[in-house]
């Protein structure tokens, strides 16, 4: 499925290998909007590696995370072999979790580390959830074939609600189709940058 997606017009795959921490946004572009902008900005500011699959409008083809298999993409294979830990940025929408950032993935030490920085860096009413039992099962990022868990130390899957990705002033998704970056997106990026830098310094 991944190979077919990558061959579609309007789909761009990006792989930039730098440090051994990686940022991912493989549901980026017009699918889970703003996720690639967050991942790219954090990666560039921390000298981390970056992998993304971007879909141009009007494409919105959603493949399950487990369909992103390294054997179907040399770029993805290179990325997961190069990095040791990864932070995958996703978007989701649930009326019962309008303000909740959900931190799944199998690297729970990194998840708790990121949680501390996000709670300090984001204003109310945003809430950061890193208790797996409090996260819907399908958003926990625990499957062994999910790309977030493929690097040697696995990683963290961050699910962003619409409220943090939406630019209310401009009535569109932040960093999407020329829409300026919303203040809360900048705060999110700053918090993740600080967290990654602190993790690297350990």
C-alpha atoms as a PDB file:
ATOM      1  CA  UNK A   1       0.000   0.000   0.000  1.00  0.00           C
ATOM      2  CA  UNK A   2       2.786   2.456   0.819  1.00  0.00           C
ATOM      3  CA  UNK A   3       4.507   1.967  -2.519  1.00  0.00           C
ATOM      4  CA  UNK A   4       1.251   2.698  -4.325  1.00  0.00           C
ATOM      5  CA  UNK A   5       0.697   5.835  -2.255  1.00  0.00           C
ATOM      6  CA  UNK A   6       4.199   7.139  -2.961  1.00  0.00           C
ATOM      7  CA  UNK A   7       3.658   6.681  -6.695  1.00  0.00           C
ATOM      8  CA  UNK A   8       0.517   8.822  -6.716  1.00  0.00           C
ATOM      9  CA  UNK A   9       0.701  12.354  -8.209  1.00  0.00           C
ATOM     10  CA  UNK A  10       0.708  14.946  -5.464  1.00  0.00           C
ATOM     11  CA  UNK A  11       2.488  12.757  -2.892  1.00  0.00           C
ATOM     12  CA  UNK A  12       5.954  13.780  -1.713  1.00  0.00           C
ATOM     13  CA  UNK A  13       8.259  11.701   0.473  1.00  0.00           C
ATOM     14  CA  UNK A  14      10.970  13.553   2.407  1.00  0.00           C
ATOM     15  CA  UNK A  15      13.908  12.017   4.258  1.00  0.00           C
ATOM     16  CA  UNK A  16      16.610  14.174   5.844  1.00  0.00           C
ATOM     17  CA  UNK A  17      19.209  12.296   7.875  1.00  0.00           C
ATOM     18  CA  UNK A  18      20.940  14.304  10.592  1.00  0.00           C
ATOM     19  CA  UNK A  19      21.065  13.361  14.277  1.00  0.00           C
ATOM     20  CA  UNK A  20      20.002  10.062  15.828  1.00  0.00           C
ATOM     21  CA  UNK A  21      16.754  11.499  17.178  1.00  0.00           C
ATOM     22  CA  UNK A  22      14.105  11.562  14.464  1.00  0.00           C
ATOM     23  CA  UNK A  23      10.898  13.462  13.820  1.00  0.00           C
ATOM     24  CA  UNK A  24       8.183  11.926  11.639  1.00  0.00           C
ATOM     25  CA  UNK A  25       4.978  13.148   9.993  1.00  0.00           C
ATOM     26  CA  UNK A  26       3.948  10.430   7.579  1.00  0.00           C
ATOM     27  CA  UNK A  27       0.303  11.549   7.538  1.00  0.00           C
ATOM     28  CA  UNK A  28       1.322  15.079   6.601  1.00  0.00           C
ATOM     29  CA  UNK A  29       0.274  17.668   4.076  1.00  0.00           C
ATOM     30  CA  UNK A  30      -3.458  17.778   3.395  1.00  0.00           C
ATOM     31  CA  UNK A  31      -4.213  14.699   5.523  1.00  0.00           C
ATOM     32  CA  UNK A  32      -3.400  15.431   9.186  1.00  0.00           C
ATOM     33  CA  UNK A  33      -2.741  19.089   8.645  1.00  0.00           C
ATOM     34  CA  UNK A  34       0.009  21.016  10.457  1.00  0.00           C
ATOM     35  CA  UNK A  35       1.720  17.822  11.642  1.00  0.00           C
ATOM     36  CA  UNK A  36       4.536  18.076   9.109  1.00  0.00           C
ATOM     37  CA  UNK A  37       5.133  21.751   9.965  1.00  0.00           C
ATOM     38  CA  UNK A  38       5.588  20.848  13.628  1.00  0.00           C
ATOM     39  CA  UNK A  39       7.860  17.877  12.934  1.00  0.00           C
ATOM     40  CA  UNK A  40       9.981  19.733  10.380  1.00  0.00           C
ATOM     41  CA  UNK A  41      10.460  22.791  12.593  1.00  0.00           C
ATOM     42  CA  UNK A  42      11.503  20.721  15.609  1.00  0.00           C
ATOM     43  CA  UNK A  43      13.889  18.631  13.493  1.00  0.00           C
ATOM     44  CA  UNK A  44      15.543  21.664  11.917  1.00  0.00           C
ATOM     45  CA  UNK A  45      15.984  23.478  15.228  1.00  0.00           C
ATOM     46  CA  UNK A  46      17.467  20.448  17.026  1.00  0.00           C
ATOM     47  CA  UNK A  47      19.541  18.990  14.172  1.00  0.00           C
ATOM     48  CA  UNK A  48      17.329  15.902  14.273  1.00  0.00           C
ATOM     49  CA  UNK A  49      16.486  13.673  11.335  1.00  0.00           C
ATOM     50  CA  UNK A  50      13.168  14.158   9.554  1.00  0.00           C
ATOM     51  CA  UNK A  51      10.854  11.869   7.604  1.00  0.00           C
ATOM     52  CA  UNK A  52       7.510  12.881   6.123  1.00  0.00           C
ATOM     53  CA  UNK A  53       4.970  11.875   3.536  1.00  0.00           C
ATOM     54  CA  UNK A  54       3.021  14.892   2.312  1.00  0.00           C
ATOM     55  CA  UNK A  55      -0.233  14.735   0.389  1.00  0.00           C
ATOM     56  CA  UNK A  56      -1.211  17.761  -1.680  1.00  0.00           C
ATOM     57  CA  UNK A  57      -4.851  18.880  -1.797  1.00  0.00           C
ATOM     58  CA  UNK A  58      -7.319  17.406  -2.557  1.00  0.00           C
ATOM     59  CA  UNK A  59      -5.667  14.096  -1.620  1.00  0.00           C
ATOM     60  CA  UNK A  60      -6.615  12.665   1.763  1.00  0.00           C
ATOM     61  CA  UNK A  61      -5.673   8.990   1.526  1.00  0.00           C
ATOM     62  CA  UNK A  62      -5.224   7.552   4.998  1.00  0.00           C
ATOM     63  CA  UNK A  63      -3.066   4.463   5.344  1.00  0.00           C
ATOM     64  CA  UNK A  64      -2.817   2.874   8.784  1.00  0.00           C
ATOM     65  CA  UNK A  65       0.527   3.466  10.438  1.00  0.00           C
ATOM     66  CA  UNK A  66       1.420  -0.227  10.136  1.00  0.00           C
ATOM     67  CA  UNK A  67       1.203   0.111   6.331  1.00  0.00           C
ATOM     68  CA  UNK A  68       4.307   2.337   6.363  1.00  0.00           C
ATOM     69  CA  UNK A  69       6.700  -0.552   5.926  1.00  0.00           C
ATOM     70  CA  UNK A  70      10.435   0.029   5.359  1.00  0.00           C
ATOM     71  CA  UNK A  71      10.569  -2.722   2.735  1.00  0.00           C
ATOM     72  CA  UNK A  72       8.334  -0.565   0.536  1.00  0.00           C
ATOM     73  CA  UNK A  73      10.445   2.591   0.838  1.00  0.00           C
ATOM     74  CA  UNK A  74      14.227   2.899   0.785  1.00  0.00           C
ATOM     75  CA  UNK A  75      13.911   6.345   2.369  1.00  0.00           C
ATOM     76  CA  UNK A  76      11.890   5.043   5.299  1.00  0.00           C
ATOM     77  CA  UNK A  77      14.270   2.110   5.667  1.00  0.00           C
ATOM     78  CA  UNK A  78      17.247   4.479   5.818  1.00  0.00           C
ATOM     79  CA  UNK A  79      15.487   6.671   8.352  1.00  0.00           C
ATOM     80  CA  UNK A  80      14.492   3.967  10.852  1.00  0.00           C
ATOM     81  CA  UNK A  81      17.970   2.420  10.587  1.00  0.00           C
ATOM     82  CA  UNK A  82      19.669   5.766  11.206  1.00  0.00           C
ATOM     83  CA  UNK A  83      17.762   7.067  14.225  1.00  0.00           C
ATOM     84  CA  UNK A  84      17.700   5.611  17.739  1.00  0.00           C
ATOM     85  CA  UNK A  85      14.520   7.269  19.007  1.00  0.00           C
ATOM     86  CA  UNK A  86      11.708   8.889  17.088  1.00  0.00           C
ATOM     87  CA  UNK A  87       8.872  11.309  17.749  1.00  0.00           C
ATOM     88  CA  UNK A  88       5.966  10.837  15.352  1.00  0.00           C
ATOM     89  CA  UNK A  89       3.514  13.740  15.031  1.00  0.00           C
ATOM     90  CA  UNK A  90      -0.100  12.889  14.196  1.00  0.00           C
ATOM     91  CA  UNK A  91      -3.448  14.654  14.247  1.00  0.00           C
ATOM     92  CA  UNK A  92      -6.752  13.342  15.554  1.00  0.00           C
ATOM     93  CA  UNK A  93     -10.217  14.629  16.389  1.00  0.00           C
ATOM     94  CA  UNK A  94     -12.488  13.461  19.202  1.00  0.00           C
ATOM     95  CA  UNK A  95     -15.252  15.604  20.708  1.00  0.00           C
ATOM     96  CA  UNK A  96     -14.460  14.124  24.104  1.00  0.00           C
ATOM     97  CA  UNK A  97     -10.757  15.037  23.825  1.00  0.00           C
ATOM     98  CA  UNK A  98     -10.847  18.454  22.198  1.00  0.00           C
ATOM     99  CA  UNK A  99      -7.891  19.828  24.171  1.00  0.00           C
ATOM    100  CA  UNK A 100      -5.880  16.681  24.873  1.00  0.00           C
ATOM    101  CA  UNK A 101      -2.436  15.861  23.451  1.00  0.00           C
ATOM    102  CA  UNK A 102      -1.993  12.085  23.618  1.00  0.00           C
ATOM    103  CA  UNK A 103       1.499  10.595  24.000  1.00  0.00           C
ATOM    104  CA  UNK A 104       1.647   6.952  22.974  1.00  0.00           C
ATOM    105  CA  UNK A 105       4.437   4.814  21.545  1.00  0.00           C
ATOM    106  CA  UNK A 106       6.628   2.208  23.237  1.00  0.00           C
ATOM    107  CA  UNK A 107       9.384   4.471  24.584  1.00  0.00           C
ATOM    108  CA  UNK A 108       7.633   5.453  27.802  1.00  0.00           C
ATOM    109  CA  UNK A 109      10.716   7.113  29.306  1.00  0.00           C
ATOM    110  CA  UNK A 110      10.849   9.538  26.390  1.00  0.00           C
ATOM    111  CA  UNK A 111       7.063  10.005  26.569  1.00  0.00           C
ATOM    112  CA  UNK A 112       7.230  11.060  30.224  1.00  0.00           C
ATOM    113  CA  UNK A 113      10.176  13.339  29.445  1.00  0.00           C
ATOM    114  CA  UNK A 114       8.256  15.090  26.658  1.00  0.00           C
ATOM    115  CA  UNK A 115       5.169  15.350  28.856  1.00  0.00           C
ATOM    116  CA  UNK A 116       6.988  17.456  31.417  1.00  0.00           C
ATOM    117  CA  UNK A 117       8.104  20.002  28.852  1.00  0.00           C
ATOM    118  CA  UNK A 118       4.735  20.120  27.095  1.00  0.00           C
ATOM    119  CA  UNK A 119       2.859  20.718  30.334  1.00  0.00           C
ATOM    120  CA  UNK A 120       5.162  23.612  31.164  1.00  0.00           C
ATOM    121  CA  UNK A 121       5.131  25.050  27.658  1.00  0.00           C
ATOM    122  CA  UNK A 122       1.454  24.934  26.706  1.00  0.00           C
ATOM    123  CA  UNK A 123      -1.258  27.202  28.113  1.00  0.00           C
ATOM    124  CA  UNK A 124      -4.596  26.140  29.533  1.00  0.00           C
ATOM    125  CA  UNK A 125      -6.882  24.472  28.575  1.00  0.00           C
ATOM    126  CA  UNK A 126      -4.470  22.080  26.806  1.00  0.00           C
ATOM    127  CA  UNK A 127      -3.858  18.833  28.656  1.00  0.00           C
ATOM    128  CA  UNK A 128      -1.083  16.316  28.032  1.00  0.00           C
ATOM    129  CA  UNK A 129      -1.955  12.650  28.548  1.00  0.00           C
ATOM    130  CA  UNK A 130       0.831  10.071  28.863  1.00  0.00           C
ATOM    131  CA  UNK A 131      -1.068   7.380  30.768  1.00  0.00           C
ATOM    132  CA  UNK A 132      -1.643   4.693  28.150  1.00  0.00           C
ATOM    133  CA  UNK A 133      -4.781   3.469  29.914  1.00  0.00           C
ATOM    134  CA  UNK A 134      -6.314   6.934  29.466  1.00  0.00           C
ATOM    135  CA  UNK A 135      -5.589   6.968  25.711  1.00  0.00           C
ATOM    136  CA  UNK A 136      -7.993   5.239  23.286  1.00  0.00           C
ATOM    137  CA  UNK A 137      -6.492   1.909  22.289  1.00  0.00           C
ATOM    138  CA  UNK A 138      -6.316   2.790  18.576  1.00  0.00           C
ATOM    139  CA  UNK A 139      -4.303   5.942  19.384  1.00  0.00           C
ATOM    140  CA  UNK A 140      -1.743   4.371  21.714  1.00  0.00           C
ATOM    141  CA  UNK A 141       0.860   3.569  19.054  1.00  0.00           C
ATOM    142  CA  UNK A 142       1.800   0.232  20.586  1.00  0.00           C
ATOM    143  CA  UNK A 143       1.886  -2.018  17.511  1.00  0.00           C
ATOM    144  CA  UNK A 144       5.394  -3.323  16.893  1.00  0.00           C
ATOM    145  CA  UNK A 145       5.105  -2.561  13.151  1.00  0.00           C
ATOM    146  CA  UNK A 146       4.115   1.058  13.693  1.00  0.00           C
ATOM    147  CA  UNK A 147       7.089   3.131  12.402  1.00  0.00           C
ATOM    148  CA  UNK A 148       7.290   4.909  15.752  1.00  0.00           C
ATOM    149  CA  UNK A 149       8.446   1.627  17.285  1.00  0.00           C
ATOM    150  CA  UNK A 150      10.872   0.468  14.586  1.00  0.00           C
ATOM    151  CA  UNK A 151      14.079   2.307  15.659  1.00  0.00           C
ATOM    152  CA  UNK A 152      16.291   0.548  18.197  1.00  0.00           C
ATOM    153  CA  UNK A 153      14.880   2.518  21.154  1.00  0.00           C
ATOM    154  CA  UNK A 154      11.367   2.921  19.689  1.00  0.00           C
ATOM    155  CA  UNK A 155       9.703   6.280  20.201  1.00  0.00           C
ATOM    156  CA  UNK A 156       6.705   8.440  21.067  1.00  0.00           C
ATOM    157  CA  UNK A 157       3.550   8.998  19.042  1.00  0.00           C
ATOM    158  CA  UNK A 158       2.069  12.443  19.709  1.00  0.00           C
ATOM    159  CA  UNK A 159      -1.567  12.892  18.693  1.00  0.00           C
ATOM    160  CA  UNK A 160      -2.491  16.567  18.317  1.00  0.00           C
ATOM    161  CA  UNK A 161      -6.135  17.702  18.630  1.00  0.00           C
ATOM    162  CA  UNK A 162      -7.656  20.139  16.123  1.00  0.00           C
ATOM    163  CA  UNK A 163      -7.646  22.995  18.639  1.00  0.00           C
ATOM    164  CA  UNK A 164      -3.862  23.205  18.722  1.00  0.00           C
ATOM    165  CA  UNK A 165      -3.488  22.934  14.941  1.00  0.00           C
ATOM    166  CA  UNK A 166      -6.232  25.400  13.964  1.00  0.00           C
ATOM    167  CA  UNK A 167      -5.517  29.104  13.455  1.00  0.00           C
ATOM    168  CA  UNK A 168      -8.706  30.732  14.770  1.00  0.00           C
ATOM    169  CA  UNK A 169      -7.721  34.215  13.615  1.00  0.00           C
ATOM    170  CA  UNK A 170      -7.344  33.107   9.987  1.00  0.00           C
ATOM    171  CA  UNK A 171      -9.975  30.354   9.987  1.00  0.00           C
ATOM    172  CA  UNK A 172      -7.730  27.616   8.623  1.00  0.00           C
ATOM    173  CA  UNK A 173      -5.171  25.050   9.657  1.00  0.00           C
ATOM    174  CA  UNK A 174      -1.922  26.596  10.842  1.00  0.00           C
ATOM    175  CA  UNK A 175       0.966  26.435   8.343  1.00  0.00           C
ATOM    176  CA  UNK A 176      -1.395  25.082   5.681  1.00  0.00           C
ATOM    177  CA  UNK A 177      -2.101  26.641   2.278  1.00  0.00           C
ATOM    178  CA  UNK A 178      -0.338  29.860   3.228  1.00  0.00           C
ATOM    179  CA  UNK A 179      -2.062  30.227   6.605  1.00  0.00           C
ATOM    180  CA  UNK A 180       0.260  31.839   9.188  1.00  0.00           C
ATOM    181  CA  UNK A 181       1.468  29.871  12.194  1.00  0.00           C
ATOM    182  CA  UNK A 182      -0.845  30.106  15.189  1.00  0.00           C
ATOM    183  CA  UNK A 183       0.691  31.156  18.535  1.00  0.00           C
ATOM    184  CA  UNK A 184      -0.125  27.831  20.200  1.00  0.00           C
ATOM    185  CA  UNK A 185       1.697  25.951  17.430  1.00  0.00           C
ATOM    186  CA  UNK A 186       4.791  28.045  18.092  1.00  0.00           C
ATOM    187  CA  UNK A 187       4.501  27.243  21.807  1.00  0.00           C
ATOM    188  CA  UNK A 188       4.180  23.545  21.008  1.00  0.00           C
ATOM    189  CA  UNK A 189       7.277  23.630  18.808  1.00  0.00           C
ATOM    190  CA  UNK A 190       9.269  25.568  21.423  1.00  0.00           C
ATOM    191  CA  UNK A 191       8.359  23.015  24.094  1.00  0.00           C
ATOM    192  CA  UNK A 192       9.338  20.074  21.897  1.00  0.00           C
ATOM    193  CA  UNK A 193      12.611  21.738  20.908  1.00  0.00           C
ATOM    194  CA  UNK A 194      13.507  22.260  24.573  1.00  0.00           C
ATOM    195  CA  UNK A 195      12.580  18.655  25.359  1.00  0.00           C
ATOM    196  CA  UNK A 196      14.665  17.213  22.531  1.00  0.00           C
ATOM    197  CA  UNK A 197      17.656  19.356  23.433  1.00  0.00           C
ATOM    198  CA  UNK A 198      17.434  18.252  27.078  1.00  0.00           C
ATOM    199  CA  UNK A 199      17.117  14.606  26.023  1.00  0.00           C
ATOM    200  CA  UNK A 200      20.223  14.883  23.853  1.00  0.00           C
ATOM    201  CA  UNK A 201      22.171  16.449  26.736  1.00  0.00           C
ATOM    202  CA  UNK A 202      21.527  13.508  29.097  1.00  0.00           C
END
